[in-house]
């Protein structure tokens, strides 16, 4: 085989690789724009329907109960070992530096600022998001979404908006449950094992934890629940290729949701530190 032929094949392979990367980049830009548009239309539809008293509260209640049913138990089961890990790791470090009495403050701040919203986001993206995506994807491949459009019914108004509002409410409540479960677990691990007294643990927690920490956790929960629901709805509405297409859409929705939630968590945390770091 001549050198010219090898160089020609290498050149074609390189151009094909560059073309594929550009195509993926273009698809990423298009997907980002579609997510922004879908999020805006969903919020607009929900706000308009609530103000005009035509919001589908029945669909909202059904979706809220469904989301709670599929995510409550896994959330509690994840929050318990999470609280154990935090208490063990932080307790070991605090014991080494002689600050075991401040373990309550560190545990509380860590759970409220980072732990509870992250656990909630994973449950929303994994359990709730996959369920929403599979449901809407099945409706899409069965052409039910097209049937709604033919009848003059907006799928966003009828299906997406109630799911978005339900996900926001469920995310807020799950964050409270995760916070309580993780902090109680950490309390039992530290106080129950005799590492620190109950009074010292609670005193450090009350002295250093602030209401803004809980407000940050709830705000993160709102953002995470909104992002996960919009991503799942977008992938479900664009599912193609029958059952395999629905399965692929669910996988894409979970992966994309986790990536976006991680980026959003970093961004929100940095903004919080810049604005309230001095008071924290």
Protein backbone atom coordinates (compact mmCIF):
# COMPACT_ATOMS: atom_id res chain seq x y z
CA UNK A 1 0.00 0.00 0.00
CA UNK A 2 1.46 3.34 -1.04
CA UNK A 3 2.24 6.19 1.27
CA UNK A 4 -0.15 8.45 -0.66
CA UNK A 5 -3.03 6.03 -0.15
CA UNK A 6 -2.36 5.80 3.60
CA UNK A 7 -2.15 9.58 3.87
CA UNK A 8 -5.39 9.93 1.92
CA UNK A 9 -7.24 7.55 4.22
CA UNK A 10 -5.86 9.29 7.29
CA UNK A 11 -6.97 12.64 5.89
CA UNK A 12 -10.49 11.37 5.19
CA UNK A 13 -10.69 9.82 8.67
CA UNK A 14 -9.57 13.10 10.22
CA UNK A 15 -12.14 15.10 8.26
CA UNK A 16 -14.84 12.61 9.20
CA UNK A 17 -13.90 12.94 12.88
CA UNK A 18 -13.99 16.73 12.73
CA UNK A 19 -17.32 16.63 10.92
CA UNK A 20 -18.76 14.31 13.55
CA UNK A 21 -17.58 16.58 16.37
CA UNK A 22 -19.09 19.63 14.68
CA UNK A 23 -22.35 17.75 14.16
CA UNK A 24 -22.48 16.79 17.84
CA UNK A 25 -21.70 20.36 18.85
CA UNK A 26 -24.49 21.64 16.61
CA UNK A 27 -26.94 19.11 18.07
CA UNK A 28 -25.90 20.18 21.55
CA UNK A 29 -26.61 23.82 20.75
CA UNK A 30 -29.98 22.92 19.25
CA UNK A 31 -30.89 20.77 22.27
CA UNK A 32 -29.93 23.58 24.66
CA UNK A 33 -32.15 26.00 22.79
CA UNK A 34 -35.04 23.54 22.76
CA UNK A 35 -34.68 23.00 26.52
CA UNK A 36 -34.79 26.75 27.14
CA UNK A 37 -37.87 27.15 24.95
CA UNK A 38 -39.64 24.19 26.56
CA UNK A 39 -38.83 25.47 30.05
CA UNK A 40 -40.14 28.95 29.22
CA UNK A 41 -43.32 27.62 27.62
CA UNK A 42 -43.95 25.26 30.54
CA UNK A 43 -43.60 28.02 33.14
CA UNK A 44 -45.73 30.36 31.06
CA UNK A 45 -48.45 27.74 30.57
CA UNK A 46 -48.49 26.81 34.27
CA UNK A 47 -48.61 30.43 35.44
CA UNK A 48 -51.30 31.37 32.92
CA UNK A 49 -53.50 28.38 33.74
CA UNK A 50 -53.21 28.95 37.50
CA UNK A 51 -54.10 32.64 37.16
CA UNK A 52 -57.01 31.89 34.82
CA UNK A 53 -58.17 28.99 37.02
CA UNK A 54 -57.95 26.36 34.31
CA UNK A 55 -54.91 24.53 35.62
CA UNK A 56 -55.29 20.75 35.62
CA UNK A 57 -55.14 20.17 39.37
CA UNK A 58 -56.29 16.60 38.95
CA UNK A 59 -53.30 15.81 36.73
CA UNK A 60 -51.08 17.69 39.19
CA UNK A 61 -52.28 15.57 42.11
CA UNK A 62 -51.89 12.34 40.15
CA UNK A 63 -48.35 13.23 39.12
CA UNK A 64 -47.37 14.49 42.59
CA UNK A 65 -48.58 11.24 44.17
CA UNK A 66 -46.83 9.18 41.50
CA UNK A 67 -43.54 11.06 41.98
CA UNK A 68 -43.78 10.71 45.75
CA UNK A 69 -44.55 7.00 45.50
CA UNK A 70 -41.56 6.21 43.26
CA UNK A 71 -39.01 8.44 45.03
CA UNK A 72 -39.84 8.63 48.75
CA UNK A 73 -38.52 5.27 49.92
CA UNK A 74 -35.35 5.33 47.75
CA UNK A 75 -34.66 8.86 48.99
CA UNK A 76 -34.85 7.80 52.64
CA UNK A 77 -32.72 4.72 51.98
CA UNK A 78 -30.06 6.89 50.32
CA UNK A 79 -30.21 9.62 52.99
CA UNK A 80 -29.46 7.21 55.86
CA UNK A 81 -26.08 5.93 54.59
CA UNK A 82 -25.30 9.45 53.43
CA UNK A 83 -25.71 10.70 57.01
CA UNK A 84 -23.57 7.82 58.27
CA UNK A 85 -20.77 8.62 55.81
CA UNK A 86 -20.80 12.31 56.70
CA UNK A 87 -20.75 11.68 60.44
CA UNK A 88 -17.94 9.11 60.21
CA UNK A 89 -15.71 11.14 57.92
CA UNK A 90 -16.26 14.49 59.59
CA UNK A 91 -16.08 12.96 63.05
CA UNK A 92 -12.70 11.39 62.26
CA UNK A 93 -11.24 14.67 60.98
CA UNK A 94 -12.72 16.69 63.85
CA UNK A 95 -11.29 14.23 66.37
CA UNK A 96 -7.82 14.53 64.84
CA UNK A 97 -7.79 18.33 65.10
CA UNK A 98 -9.44 18.39 68.51
CA UNK A 99 -12.69 20.00 67.33
CA UNK A 100 -15.10 17.16 67.93
CA UNK A 101 -17.52 19.54 69.67
CA UNK A 102 -18.05 21.35 66.35
CA UNK A 103 -19.09 18.23 64.48
CA UNK A 104 -22.76 19.19 64.78
CA UNK A 105 -22.19 22.46 62.95
CA UNK A 106 -20.16 20.85 60.18
CA UNK A 107 -22.63 18.00 59.73
CA UNK A 108 -25.60 20.35 59.61
CA UNK A 109 -24.03 22.79 57.16
CA UNK A 110 -22.76 19.98 54.93
CA UNK A 111 -26.15 18.31 54.79
CA UNK A 112 -28.13 21.51 54.22
CA UNK A 113 -25.85 23.20 51.70
CA UNK A 114 -24.75 20.20 49.65
CA UNK A 115 -25.99 16.80 50.77
CA UNK A 116 -29.77 17.18 50.82
CA UNK A 117 -30.09 18.99 47.46
CA UNK A 118 -27.71 16.54 45.75
CA UNK A 119 -29.53 13.46 47.04
CA UNK A 120 -32.84 15.00 46.01
CA UNK A 121 -31.50 15.85 42.56
CA UNK A 122 -30.28 12.29 42.00
CA UNK A 123 -33.66 10.88 43.01
CA UNK A 124 -35.54 13.37 40.84
CA UNK A 125 -33.28 12.69 37.85
CA UNK A 126 -33.09 8.93 38.33
CA UNK A 127 -36.54 7.89 39.56
CA UNK A 128 -38.89 10.74 38.66
CA UNK A 129 -37.15 11.90 35.48
CA UNK A 130 -36.92 8.42 33.99
CA UNK A 131 -40.60 7.78 34.76
CA UNK A 132 -41.65 11.06 33.12
CA UNK A 133 -39.48 10.41 30.07
CA UNK A 134 -40.74 6.85 29.60
CA UNK A 135 -44.36 7.94 29.96
CA UNK A 136 -44.10 10.81 27.49
CA UNK A 137 -41.89 8.74 25.18
CA UNK A 138 -44.50 5.97 25.04
CA UNK A 139 -47.19 8.54 24.27
CA UNK A 140 -44.99 10.00 21.53
CA UNK A 141 -44.22 6.73 19.74
CA UNK A 142 -47.91 5.78 19.94
CA UNK A 143 -48.69 9.16 18.30
CA UNK A 144 -50.83 10.29 21.22
CA UNK A 145 -48.95 13.59 21.32
CA UNK A 146 -49.72 14.17 17.64
CA UNK A 147 -53.36 13.34 18.32
CA UNK A 148 -53.49 16.01 21.03
CA UNK A 149 -52.05 18.57 18.62
CA UNK A 150 -54.59 17.61 15.95
CA UNK A 151 -57.42 18.16 18.46
CA UNK A 152 -56.00 21.60 19.26
CA UNK A 153 -54.76 20.64 22.73
CA UNK A 154 -51.29 21.82 23.72
CA UNK A 155 -49.19 18.93 25.08
CA UNK A 156 -47.19 21.42 27.11
CA UNK A 157 -50.31 22.83 28.73
CA UNK A 158 -51.99 19.46 29.24
CA UNK A 159 -49.05 17.20 30.15
CA UNK A 160 -45.83 19.12 30.83
CA UNK A 161 -46.99 22.03 33.01
CA UNK A 162 -48.70 19.86 35.68
CA UNK A 163 -45.63 17.62 35.82
CA UNK A 164 -43.32 20.60 36.27
CA UNK A 165 -45.37 22.04 39.13
CA UNK A 166 -45.66 18.60 40.75
CA UNK A 167 -41.91 18.03 40.48
CA UNK A 168 -41.19 21.39 42.14
CA UNK A 169 -43.45 20.60 45.10
CA UNK A 170 -42.12 17.06 45.47
CA UNK A 171 -38.50 18.27 45.27
CA UNK A 172 -39.13 20.78 48.07
CA UNK A 173 -40.65 18.11 50.31
CA UNK A 174 -37.98 15.52 49.51
CA UNK A 175 -35.27 17.99 50.47
CA UNK A 176 -36.88 18.43 53.89
CA UNK A 177 -37.07 14.65 54.34
CA UNK A 178 -33.46 14.14 53.26
CA UNK A 179 -32.26 16.90 55.58
CA UNK A 180 -34.10 15.51 58.58
CA UNK A 181 -33.09 11.91 57.89
CA UNK A 182 -29.41 12.66 57.26
CA UNK A 183 -29.06 15.01 60.24
CA UNK A 184 -30.82 12.60 62.61
CA UNK A 185 -28.58 9.80 61.40
CA UNK A 186 -25.48 11.94 61.92
CA UNK A 187 -26.74 12.91 65.39
CA UNK A 188 -27.23 9.29 66.39
CA UNK A 189 -23.83 8.30 65.02
CA UNK A 190 -22.01 11.03 66.95
CA UNK A 191 -24.01 11.25 70.17
CA UNK A 192 -25.01 7.59 70.34
CA UNK A 193 -21.41 6.41 70.13
CA UNK A 194 -20.31 8.80 72.88
CA UNK A 195 -18.01 10.90 70.71
CA UNK A 196 -19.72 14.14 71.74
CA UNK A 197 -22.46 15.09 74.17
CA UNK A 198 -25.93 15.89 72.95
CA UNK A 199 -25.77 19.44 74.30
CA UNK A 200 -22.45 20.25 72.61
CA UNK A 201 -23.60 18.75 69.32
CA UNK A 202 -26.87 20.70 69.23
CA UNK A 203 -25.24 23.89 70.48
CA UNK A 204 -22.68 23.90 67.66
CA UNK A 205 -25.38 23.09 65.13
CA UNK A 206 -27.65 25.92 66.28
CA UNK A 207 -24.75 28.35 66.61
CA UNK A 208 -23.33 27.95 63.11
CA UNK A 209 -26.23 26.83 60.92
CA UNK A 210 -28.36 29.63 59.51
CA UNK A 211 -31.84 29.86 57.98
CA UNK A 212 -30.15 30.83 54.72
CA UNK A 213 -28.59 27.36 54.58
CA UNK A 214 -32.03 25.77 54.51
CA UNK A 215 -33.26 28.41 52.05
CA UNK A 216 -30.30 27.54 49.80
CA UNK A 217 -31.18 23.85 49.97
CA UNK A 218 -34.80 24.53 49.01
CA UNK A 219 -33.78 26.85 46.19
CA UNK A 220 -31.44 24.21 44.82
CA UNK A 221 -34.26 21.68 45.05
CA UNK A 222 -36.51 23.93 42.96
CA UNK A 223 -33.84 24.41 40.31
CA UNK A 224 -32.89 20.72 40.24
CA UNK A 225 -36.50 19.57 40.04
CA UNK A 226 -37.23 22.00 37.23
CA UNK A 227 -34.15 21.03 35.21
CA UNK A 228 -34.70 17.29 35.60
CA UNK A 229 -38.37 17.54 34.61
CA UNK A 230 -37.69 19.71 31.56
CA UNK A 231 -34.91 17.41 30.33
CA UNK A 232 -37.06 14.31 30.83
CA UNK A 233 -40.03 15.92 29.09
CA UNK A 234 -37.89 17.07 26.16
CA UNK A 235 -36.35 13.65 25.62
CA UNK A 236 -39.74 11.97 25.96
CA UNK A 237 -41.42 14.26 23.45
CA UNK A 238 -38.61 13.64 20.95
CA UNK A 239 -38.41 9.86 21.32
CA UNK A 240 -38.33 7.95 18.03
CA UNK A 241 -38.02 4.35 16.93
CA UNK A 242 -40.48 2.45 19.08
CA UNK A 243 -39.62 0.87 22.45
CA UNK A 244 -35.88 1.02 21.77
CA UNK A 245 -36.17 4.73 21.08
CA UNK A 246 -37.98 5.24 24.39
CA UNK A 247 -35.25 3.33 26.25
CA UNK A 248 -32.55 5.41 24.56
CA UNK A 249 -34.44 8.61 25.44
CA UNK A 250 -34.61 7.57 29.12
CA UNK A 251 -30.86 6.89 29.21
CA UNK A 252 -30.10 10.22 27.58
CA UNK A 253 -32.45 12.05 29.93
CA UNK A 254 -30.83 10.61 33.07
CA UNK A 255 -27.27 11.29 31.90
CA UNK A 256 -28.02 14.82 30.71
CA UNK A 257 -29.96 15.60 33.89
CA UNK A 258 -27.09 14.51 36.15
CA UNK A 259 -24.61 16.63 34.17
CA UNK A 260 -26.84 19.72 34.23
CA UNK A 261 -27.61 19.27 37.93
CA UNK A 262 -23.91 19.03 38.78
CA UNK A 263 -23.17 22.21 36.82
CA UNK A 264 -26.12 24.02 38.37
CA UNK A 265 -25.02 22.95 41.87
CA UNK A 266 -21.53 24.36 41.35
CA UNK A 267 -22.89 27.62 39.92
CA UNK A 268 -25.45 28.16 42.69
CA UNK A 269 -22.94 27.31 45.42
CA UNK A 270 -20.39 29.76 44.05
CA UNK A 271 -22.95 32.55 43.82
CA UNK A 272 -24.08 31.82 47.39
CA UNK A 273 -20.52 31.91 48.69
CA UNK A 274 -19.83 35.21 46.92
CA UNK A 275 -23.02 36.82 48.25
CA UNK A 276 -23.28 35.36 51.74
CA UNK A 277 -19.83 33.92 52.39
CA UNK A 278 -18.93 36.58 54.91
CA UNK A 279 -22.02 35.87 56.95
CA UNK A 280 -21.80 32.08 56.65
